[in-house]
PDB file of N, CA and C in Angstrom:
ATOM      1  N   UNK A   1     -10.316  84.487  80.207  1.00  0.00           N
ATOM      2  CA  UNK A   1     -10.363  83.613  81.375  1.00  0.00           C
ATOM      3  C   UNK A   1     -11.288  82.438  80.782  1.00  0.00           C
ATOM      4  N   UNK A   2     -10.921  81.603  81.546  1.00  0.00           N
ATOM      5  CA  UNK A   2     -11.364  80.024  81.024  1.00  0.00           C
ATOM      6  C   UNK A   2     -12.374  79.747  82.357  1.00  0.00           C
ATOM      7  N   UNK A   3     -13.694  79.071  81.638  1.00  0.00           N
ATOM      8  CA  UNK A   3     -14.794  78.503  82.376  1.00  0.00           C
ATOM      9  C   UNK A   3     -14.574  77.084  82.617  1.00  0.00           C
ATOM     10  N   UNK A   4     -14.915  76.593  84.039  1.00  0.00           N
ATOM     11  CA  UNK A   4     -14.439  75.222  84.235  1.00  0.00           C
ATOM     12  C   UNK A   4     -16.217  74.714  83.678  1.00  0.00           C
ATOM     13  N   UNK A   5     -16.172  73.634  83.307  1.00  0.00           N
ATOM     14  CA  UNK A   5     -17.648  72.705  82.922  1.00  0.00           C
ATOM     15  C   UNK A   5     -17.798  71.833  83.131  1.00  0.00           C
ATOM     16  N   UNK A   6     -17.079  71.114  83.882  1.00  0.00           N
ATOM     17  CA  UNK A   6     -17.008  69.682  84.442  1.00  0.00           C
ATOM     18  C   UNK A   6     -15.860  68.942  83.945  1.00  0.00           C
ATOM     19  N   UNK A   7     -15.771  67.612  84.646  1.00  0.00           N
ATOM     20  CA  UNK A   7     -15.029  66.647  83.971  1.00  0.00           C
ATOM     21  C   UNK A   7     -13.827  66.823  83.901  1.00  0.00           C
ATOM     22  N   UNK A   8     -13.280  67.862  84.485  1.00  0.00           N
ATOM     23  CA  UNK A   8     -11.845  68.438  84.310  1.00  0.00           C
ATOM     24  C   UNK A   8     -11.681  69.211  82.888  1.00  0.00           C
ATOM     25  N   UNK A   9     -12.774  70.018  82.625  1.00  0.00           N
ATOM     26  CA  UNK A   9     -12.805  70.280  81.473  1.00  0.00           C
ATOM     27  C   UNK A   9     -12.957  72.118  81.084  1.00  0.00           C
ATOM     28  N   UNK A  10     -12.329  73.062  80.208  1.00  0.00           N
ATOM     29  CA  UNK A  10     -12.452  74.401  80.644  1.00  0.00           C
ATOM     30  C   UNK A  10     -12.310  74.823  79.536  1.00  0.00           C
ATOM     31  N   UNK A  11     -13.256  75.657  78.808  1.00  0.00           N
ATOM     32  CA  UNK A  11     -13.283  76.484  77.980  1.00  0.00           C
ATOM     33  C   UNK A  11     -13.101  78.093  78.291  1.00  0.00           C
ATOM     34  N   UNK A  12     -12.393  78.481  76.776  1.00  0.00           N
ATOM     35  CA  UNK A  12     -11.890  79.801  77.012  1.00  0.00           C
ATOM     36  C   UNK A  12     -13.060  80.577  76.869  1.00  0.00           C
ATOM     37  N   UNK A  13     -13.402  81.411  77.435  1.00  0.00           N
ATOM     38  CA  UNK A  13     -15.031  82.088  77.946  1.00  0.00           C
ATOM     39  C   UNK A  13     -15.094  83.030  76.608  1.00  0.00           C
ATOM     40  N   UNK A  14     -14.187  83.526  75.839  1.00  0.00           N
ATOM     41  CA  UNK A  14     -14.255  84.750  74.438  1.00  0.00           C
ATOM     42  C   UNK A  14     -14.920  83.372  73.690  1.00  0.00           C
ATOM     43  N   UNK A  15     -14.946  82.114  73.428  1.00  0.00           N
ATOM     44  CA  UNK A  15     -14.997  81.290  72.621  1.00  0.00           C
ATOM     45  C   UNK A  15     -16.795  81.407  72.516  1.00  0.00           C
ATOM     46  N   UNK A  16     -17.309  81.430  73.708  1.00  0.00           N
ATOM     47  CA  UNK A  16     -18.761  80.793  73.965  1.00  0.00           C
ATOM     48  C   UNK A  16     -19.892  81.882  73.271  1.00  0.00           C
ATOM     49  N   UNK A  17     -20.518  80.841  71.951  1.00  0.00           N
ATOM     50  CA  UNK A  17     -21.822  81.984  71.858  1.00  0.00           C
ATOM     51  C   UNK A  17     -22.897  81.867  72.898  1.00  0.00           C
ATOM     52  N   UNK A  18     -22.729  80.859  73.298  1.00  0.00           N
ATOM     53  CA  UNK A  18     -24.016  80.967  74.316  1.00  0.00           C
ATOM     54  C   UNK A  18     -24.362  80.119  75.217  1.00  0.00           C
ATOM     55  N   UNK A  19     -25.323  79.815  76.668  1.00  0.00           N
ATOM     56  CA  UNK A  19     -25.041  79.405  77.249  1.00  0.00           C
ATOM     57  C   UNK A  19     -26.610  78.913  77.401  1.00  0.00           C
ATOM     58  N   UNK A  20     -27.147  77.648  77.486  1.00  0.00           N
ATOM     59  CA  UNK A  20     -28.746  77.396  77.294  1.00  0.00           C
ATOM     60  C   UNK A  20     -29.095  76.447  78.315  1.00  0.00           C
ATOM     61  N   UNK A  21     -30.421  76.654  78.812  1.00  0.00           N
ATOM     62  CA  UNK A  21     -31.054  75.759  79.754  1.00  0.00           C
ATOM     63  C   UNK A  21     -31.653  74.379  78.854  1.00  0.00           C
ATOM     64  N   UNK A  22     -31.016  73.637  78.879  1.00  0.00           N
ATOM     65  CA  UNK A  22     -31.616  72.197  78.018  1.00  0.00           C
ATOM     66  C   UNK A  22     -32.959  71.867  78.249  1.00  0.00           C
ATOM     67  N   UNK A  23     -33.385  71.769  79.666  1.00  0.00           N
ATOM     68  CA  UNK A  23     -34.950  71.957  79.717  1.00  0.00           C
ATOM     69  C   UNK A  23     -36.032  72.946  78.797  1.00  0.00           C
ATOM     70  N   UNK A  24     -35.423  74.638  78.497  1.00  0.00           N
ATOM     71  CA  UNK A  24     -36.178  75.388  77.507  1.00  0.00           C
ATOM     72  C   UNK A  24     -36.022  75.148  76.372  1.00  0.00           C
ATOM     73  N   UNK A  25     -35.052  74.434  75.679  1.00  0.00           N
ATOM     74  CA  UNK A  25     -34.660  74.605  74.429  1.00  0.00           C
ATOM     75  C   UNK A  25     -34.783  72.743  73.793  1.00  0.00           C
ATOM     76  N   UNK A  26     -34.695  72.186  74.768  1.00  0.00           N
ATOM     77  CA  UNK A  26     -35.032  70.994  74.181  1.00  0.00           C
ATOM     78  C   UNK A  26     -35.796  70.251  73.048  1.00  0.00           C
ATOM     79  N   UNK A  27     -36.915  71.095  73.208  1.00  0.00           N
ATOM     80  CA  UNK A  27     -37.945  70.763  72.440  1.00  0.00           C
ATOM     81  C   UNK A  27     -38.292  71.776  70.898  1.00  0.00           C
ATOM     82  N   UNK A  28     -37.202  72.820  70.940  1.00  0.00           N
ATOM     83  CA  UNK A  28     -37.392  73.278  69.975  1.00  0.00           C
ATOM     84  C   UNK A  28     -36.521  72.981  68.554  1.00  0.00           C
ATOM     85  N   UNK A  29     -37.403  73.565  67.573  1.00  0.00           N
ATOM     86  CA  UNK A  29     -36.664  72.911  66.193  1.00  0.00           C
ATOM     87  C   UNK A  29     -35.324  73.207  65.889  1.00  0.00           C
ATOM     88  N   UNK A  30     -35.035  74.444  66.633  1.00  0.00           N
ATOM     89  CA  UNK A  30     -33.370  74.899  66.180  1.00  0.00           C
ATOM     90  C   UNK A  30     -32.673  74.386  66.815  1.00  0.00           C
ATOM     91  N   UNK A  31     -32.815  74.122  68.390  1.00  0.00           N
ATOM     92  CA  UNK A  31     -32.038  73.152  68.885  1.00  0.00           C
ATOM     93  C   UNK A  31     -31.885  71.849  68.431  1.00  0.00           C
ATOM     94  N   UNK A  32     -32.901  71.127  67.786  1.00  0.00           N
ATOM     95  CA  UNK A  32     -33.033  69.411  67.350  1.00  0.00           C
ATOM     96  C   UNK A  32     -31.751  69.750  66.325  1.00  0.00           C
ATOM     97  N   UNK A  33     -32.305  70.757  65.176  1.00  0.00           N
ATOM     98  CA  UNK A  33     -31.544  70.868  63.901  1.00  0.00           C
ATOM     99  C   UNK A  33     -29.793  71.012  64.211  1.00  0.00           C
ATOM    100  N   UNK A  34     -29.704  71.800  64.950  1.00  0.00           N
ATOM    101  CA  UNK A  34     -28.142  72.331  65.047  1.00  0.00           C
ATOM    102  C   UNK A  34     -27.336  70.926  66.083  1.00  0.00           C
ATOM    103  N   UNK A  35     -28.532  70.460  66.917  1.00  0.00           N
ATOM    104  CA  UNK A  35     -27.794  69.076  67.838  1.00  0.00           C
ATOM    105  C   UNK A  35     -27.747  68.432  66.555  1.00  0.00           C
ATOM    106  N   UNK A  36     -28.427  67.781  65.972  1.00  0.00           N
ATOM    107  CA  UNK A  36     -28.041  67.068  64.817  1.00  0.00           C
ATOM    108  C   UNK A  36     -26.744  67.196  63.857  1.00  0.00           C
ATOM    109  N   UNK A  37     -26.666  68.779  63.533  1.00  0.00           N
ATOM    110  CA  UNK A  37     -25.547  68.724  62.610  1.00  0.00           C
ATOM    111  C   UNK A  37     -24.461  68.567  63.552  1.00  0.00           C
ATOM    112  N   UNK A  38     -24.069  68.893  64.659  1.00  0.00           N
ATOM    113  CA  UNK A  38     -22.903  68.877  65.128  1.00  0.00           C
ATOM    114  C   UNK A  38     -22.974  67.598  65.980  1.00  0.00           C
ATOM    115  N   UNK A  39     -23.301  66.850  66.068  1.00  0.00           N
ATOM    116  CA  UNK A  39     -23.473  65.596  66.438  1.00  0.00           C
ATOM    117  C   UNK A  39     -23.316  64.376  65.171  1.00  0.00           C
ATOM    118  N   UNK A  40     -23.644  64.671  64.144  1.00  0.00           N
ATOM    119  CA  UNK A  40     -22.753  64.327  62.995  1.00  0.00           C
ATOM    120  C   UNK A  40     -21.841  64.484  62.250  1.00  0.00           C
ATOM    121  N   UNK A  41     -21.284  65.596  62.833  1.00  0.00           N
ATOM    122  CA  UNK A  41     -20.113  66.045  62.495  1.00  0.00           C
ATOM    123  C   UNK A  41     -18.817  66.050  63.279  1.00  0.00           C
ATOM    124  N   UNK A  42     -19.510  64.830  64.888  1.00  0.00           N
ATOM    125  CA  UNK A  42     -19.126  64.855  65.973  1.00  0.00           C
ATOM    126  C   UNK A  42     -18.418  65.742  66.727  1.00  0.00           C
ATOM    127  N   UNK A  43     -19.545  66.826  66.993  1.00  0.00           N
ATOM    128  CA  UNK A  43     -18.512  68.158  67.331  1.00  0.00           C
ATOM    129  C   UNK A  43     -19.675  68.334  68.581  1.00  0.00           C
ATOM    130  N   UNK A  44     -20.487  67.494  69.443  1.00  0.00           N
ATOM    131  CA  UNK A  44     -20.682  67.285  70.476  1.00  0.00           C
ATOM    132  C   UNK A  44     -20.161  66.269  71.842  1.00  0.00           C
ATOM    133  N   UNK A  45     -20.061  66.984  72.784  1.00  0.00           N
ATOM    134  CA  UNK A  45     -19.396  66.372  74.043  1.00  0.00           C
ATOM    135  C   UNK A  45     -20.178  66.315  75.174  1.00  0.00           C
ATOM    136  N   UNK A  46     -20.585  65.315  75.338  1.00  0.00           N
ATOM    137  CA  UNK A  46     -21.703  65.210  76.776  1.00  0.00           C
ATOM    138  C   UNK A  46     -21.000  64.751  77.747  1.00  0.00           C
ATOM    139  N   UNK A  47     -21.082  66.015  78.872  1.00  0.00           N
ATOM    140  CA  UNK A  47     -20.141  65.219  80.192  1.00  0.00           C
ATOM    141  C   UNK A  47     -21.043  65.676  80.936  1.00  0.00           C
ATOM    142  N   UNK A  48     -22.599  65.239  80.582  1.00  0.00           N
ATOM    143  CA  UNK A  48     -23.291  65.315  81.740  1.00  0.00           C
ATOM    144  C   UNK A  48     -23.757  63.965  82.799  1.00  0.00           C
ATOM    145  N   UNK A  49     -23.143  63.052  82.566  1.00  0.00           N
ATOM    146  CA  UNK A  49     -23.769  61.564  83.425  1.00  0.00           C
ATOM    147  C   UNK A  49     -24.895  61.689  83.100  1.00  0.00           C
ATOM    148  N   UNK A  50     -25.706  61.786  82.291  1.00  0.00           N
ATOM    149  CA  UNK A  50     -27.406  61.954  82.116  1.00  0.00           C
ATOM    150  C   UNK A  50     -28.081  62.688  82.911  1.00  0.00           C
ATOM    151  N   UNK A  51     -27.825  63.742  83.360  1.00  0.00           N
ATOM    152  CA  UNK A  51     -28.029  64.803  83.968  1.00  0.00           C
ATOM    153  C   UNK A  51     -28.177  65.729  83.269  1.00  0.00           C
ATOM    154  N   UNK A  52     -28.703  66.068  82.142  1.00  0.00           N
ATOM    155  CA  UNK A  52     -28.648  67.153  81.095  1.00  0.00           C
ATOM    156  C   UNK A  52     -29.111  68.429  81.815  1.00  0.00           C
ATOM    157  N   UNK A  53     -28.507  69.434  82.145  1.00  0.00           N
ATOM    158  CA  UNK A  53     -28.955  70.931  82.601  1.00  0.00           C
ATOM    159  C   UNK A  53     -28.291  71.933  81.795  1.00  0.00           C
ATOM    160  N   UNK A  54     -27.407  72.066  80.943  1.00  0.00           N
ATOM    161  CA  UNK A  54     -26.649  73.173  80.218  1.00  0.00           C
ATOM    162  C   UNK A  54     -26.485  72.390  78.721  1.00  0.00           C
ATOM    163  N   UNK A  55     -26.476  73.187  77.863  1.00  0.00           N
ATOM    164  CA  UNK A  55     -26.212  73.334  76.100  1.00  0.00           C
ATOM    165  C   UNK A  55     -25.137  74.810  76.399  1.00  0.00           C
ATOM    166  N   UNK A  56     -23.820  74.121  76.250  1.00  0.00           N
ATOM    167  CA  UNK A  56     -22.785  75.457  75.789  1.00  0.00           C
ATOM    168  C   UNK A  56     -22.489  75.277  74.361  1.00  0.00           C
ATOM    169  N   UNK A  57     -22.518  76.192  73.585  1.00  0.00           N
ATOM    170  CA  UNK A  57     -22.373  76.346  72.357  1.00  0.00           C
ATOM    171  C   UNK A  57     -21.149  77.656  71.900  1.00  0.00           C
ATOM    172  N   UNK A  58     -20.057  76.843  71.686  1.00  0.00           N
ATOM    173  CA  UNK A  58     -18.582  77.702  71.236  1.00  0.00           C
ATOM    174  C   UNK A  58     -18.361  77.764  70.069  1.00  0.00           C
ATOM    175  N   UNK A  59     -17.683  78.750  69.521  1.00  0.00           N
ATOM    176  CA  UNK A  59     -17.033  78.708  68.409  1.00  0.00           C
ATOM    177  C   UNK A  59     -15.722  79.026  68.382  1.00  0.00           C
ATOM    178  N   UNK A  60     -14.642  78.576  67.562  1.00  0.00           N
ATOM    179  CA  UNK A  60     -13.316  78.757  67.862  1.00  0.00           C
ATOM    180  C   UNK A  60     -13.101  78.833  66.284  1.00  0.00           C
ATOM    181  N   UNK A  61     -12.351  79.710  66.159  1.00  0.00           N
ATOM    182  CA  UNK A  61     -11.301  79.349  64.774  1.00  0.00           C
ATOM    183  C   UNK A  61     -12.874  79.080  63.265  1.00  0.00           C
ATOM    184  N   UNK A  62     -14.110  79.552  63.579  1.00  0.00           N
ATOM    185  CA  UNK A  62     -15.182  79.292  62.441  1.00  0.00           C
ATOM    186  C   UNK A  62     -15.750  77.911  62.722  1.00  0.00           C
ATOM    187  N   UNK A  63     -14.847  77.305  63.613  1.00  0.00           N
ATOM    188  CA  UNK A  63     -15.535  76.168  64.171  1.00  0.00           C
ATOM    189  C   UNK A  63     -16.807  75.664  65.534  1.00  0.00           C
ATOM    190  N   UNK A  64     -17.824  75.425  64.958  1.00  0.00           N
ATOM    191  CA  UNK A  64     -18.567  75.597  66.151  1.00  0.00           C
ATOM    192  C   UNK A  64     -18.767  73.972  66.865  1.00  0.00           C
ATOM    193  N   UNK A  65     -18.835  73.889  68.096  1.00  0.00           N
ATOM    194  CA  UNK A  65     -19.123  72.748  68.948  1.00  0.00           C
ATOM    195  C   UNK A  65     -19.659  72.907  69.785  1.00  0.00           C
ATOM    196  N   UNK A  66     -20.582  71.660  70.718  1.00  0.00           N
ATOM    197  CA  UNK A  66     -21.817  71.749  71.748  1.00  0.00           C
ATOM    198  C   UNK A  66     -21.082  71.213  72.573  1.00  0.00           C
ATOM    199  N   UNK A  67     -21.386  71.434  73.991  1.00  0.00           N
ATOM    200  CA  UNK A  67     -21.235  70.788  74.834  1.00  0.00           C
ATOM    201  C   UNK A  67     -22.384  70.910  75.844  1.00  0.00           C
ATOM    202  N   UNK A  68     -22.699  69.659  76.401  1.00  0.00           N
ATOM    203  CA  UNK A  68     -23.811  69.185  77.083  1.00  0.00           C
ATOM    204  C   UNK A  68     -23.014  69.185  78.363  1.00  0.00           C
ATOM    205  N   UNK A  69     -23.250  69.430  79.806  1.00  0.00           N
ATOM    206  CA  UNK A  69     -23.130  69.352  81.040  1.00  0.00           C
ATOM    207  C   UNK A  69     -24.132  69.555  81.783  1.00  0.00           C
ATOM    208  N   UNK A  70     -24.093  68.563  83.029  1.00  0.00           N
ATOM    209  CA  UNK A  70     -24.989  68.660  84.202  1.00  0.00           C
ATOM    210  C   UNK A  70     -24.557  69.979  85.311  1.00  0.00           C
ATOM    211  N   UNK A  71     -24.053  70.919  84.996  1.00  0.00           N
ATOM    212  CA  UNK A  71     -24.057  72.130  85.666  1.00  0.00           C
ATOM    213  C   UNK A  71     -25.231  73.065  85.259  1.00  0.00           C
ATOM    214  N   UNK A  72     -25.605  73.751  85.698  1.00  0.00           N
ATOM    215  CA  UNK A  72     -26.770  74.297  85.816  1.00  0.00           C
ATOM    216  C   UNK A  72     -26.380  75.877  84.982  1.00  0.00           C
ATOM    217  N   UNK A  73     -26.996  76.436  84.349  1.00  0.00           N
ATOM    218  CA  UNK A  73     -27.105  77.735  83.775  1.00  0.00           C
ATOM    219  C   UNK A  73     -26.654  78.577  84.760  1.00  0.00           C
ATOM    220  N   UNK A  74     -27.327  78.732  85.840  1.00  0.00           N
ATOM    221  CA  UNK A  74     -27.073  79.826  87.035  1.00  0.00           C
ATOM    222  C   UNK A  74     -25.482  79.870  87.647  1.00  0.00           C
ATOM    223  N   UNK A  75     -24.982  78.676  87.783  1.00  0.00           N
ATOM    224  CA  UNK A  75     -23.890  78.348  88.180  1.00  0.00           C
ATOM    225  C   UNK A  75     -22.898  78.683  87.061  1.00  0.00           C
ATOM    226  N   UNK A  76     -22.388  77.994  86.007  1.00  0.00           N
ATOM    227  CA  UNK A  76     -21.972  78.683  84.950  1.00  0.00           C
ATOM    228  C   UNK A  76     -21.907  80.144  84.669  1.00  0.00           C
ATOM    229  N   UNK A  77     -23.099  80.772  84.664  1.00  0.00           N
ATOM    230  CA  UNK A  77     -23.115  82.312  84.646  1.00  0.00           C
ATOM    231  C   UNK A  77     -22.009  82.803  85.623  1.00  0.00           C
ATOM    232  N   UNK A  78     -23.004  82.690  87.283  1.00  0.00           N
ATOM    233  CA  UNK A  78     -21.816  82.979  88.207  1.00  0.00           C
ATOM    234  C   UNK A  78     -20.266  82.745  87.950  1.00  0.00           C
ATOM    235  N   UNK A  79     -20.017  81.728  87.537  1.00  0.00           N
ATOM    236  CA  UNK A  79     -18.605  81.529  87.130  1.00  0.00           C
ATOM    237  C   UNK A  79     -18.057  82.623  86.334  1.00  0.00           C
ATOM    238  N   UNK A  80     -18.444  82.713  85.198  1.00  0.00           N
ATOM    239  CA  UNK A  80     -17.646  83.923  84.203  1.00  0.00           C
ATOM    240  C   UNK A  80     -18.064  85.274  85.006  1.00  0.00           C
ATOM    241  N   UNK A  81     -18.644  85.587  86.005  1.00  0.00           N
ATOM    242  CA  UNK A  81     -18.662  86.794  86.622  1.00  0.00           C
ATOM    243  C   UNK A  81     -17.258  86.858  87.864  1.00  0.00           C
TER     244      UNK A  81
END
């Protein structure tokens, strides 16, 4: 199943590692470290239009990528069900 995360972008649901509320994780050292690492590798895609609500981490072919979207975690979760 594919999950629409905004801006005509869909992800394969089986590649999703986690969906996180940015407000809850943005100040943690784990998120900051992971974000910095992904950003340095060019593996962060921000489609949020400055309304950051969710961070989606995926792994495809042993390659991790992060997506920042303006769609809330609850809405994304409902789309998976």
